[in-house]
């Protein structure tokens, strides 16, 4: 199933995983966590 491009962007920021070449543990990835917090902030302010 195709990914909705809007799901890859939080505010002005593209999900960091797209260009990431690091091996990581998802729940310990600081760039991903920062991006998710940004996504939560954007969604909360739109309500």
Protein backbone atom coordinates (compact mmCIF):
# COMPACT_ATOMS: atom_id res chain seq x y z
CA UNK A 1 0.00 0.00 0.00
CA UNK A 2 1.45 3.43 -0.91
CA UNK A 3 2.56 5.75 1.87
CA UNK A 4 0.80 9.07 2.23
CA UNK A 5 3.59 11.70 1.88
CA UNK A 6 1.92 13.81 4.57
CA UNK A 7 2.70 11.01 7.05
CA UNK A 8 6.44 11.57 6.48
CA UNK A 9 6.42 15.25 7.42
CA UNK A 10 5.99 16.95 10.80
CA UNK A 11 5.70 20.69 10.42
CA UNK A 12 8.47 21.46 7.96
CA UNK A 13 10.56 18.40 8.81
CA UNK A 14 10.80 15.16 6.84
CA UNK A 15 11.04 11.98 8.92
CA UNK A 16 14.75 11.47 9.66
CA UNK A 17 14.63 7.77 8.72
CA UNK A 18 14.30 8.55 5.01
CA UNK A 19 17.97 9.50 4.62
CA UNK A 20 19.36 7.71 7.68
CA UNK A 21 22.17 5.24 7.18
CA UNK A 22 22.67 4.40 10.85
CA UNK A 23 21.72 1.14 12.47
CA UNK A 24 19.42 1.98 15.31
CA UNK A 25 16.94 0.72 17.81
CA UNK A 26 13.74 2.59 17.00
CA UNK A 27 12.77 3.33 20.60
CA UNK A 28 16.27 4.70 21.28
CA UNK A 29 16.67 6.85 18.16
CA UNK A 30 16.94 10.49 19.27
CA UNK A 31 16.35 12.04 15.81
CA UNK A 32 13.21 9.93 15.39
CA UNK A 33 11.96 10.75 18.90
CA UNK A 34 12.53 14.48 18.26
CA UNK A 35 10.62 14.19 14.98
CA UNK A 36 7.72 12.41 16.69
CA UNK A 37 7.55 15.08 19.40
CA UNK A 38 7.46 17.72 16.65
CA UNK A 39 4.63 15.80 14.97
CA UNK A 40 2.68 15.68 18.24
CA UNK A 41 3.16 19.42 18.76
CA UNK A 42 2.00 20.24 15.23
CA UNK A 43 -1.08 18.01 15.52
CA UNK A 44 -1.93 19.44 18.95
CA UNK A 45 -1.71 23.04 17.79
CA UNK A 46 -3.94 22.32 14.78
CA UNK A 47 -6.83 21.18 17.01
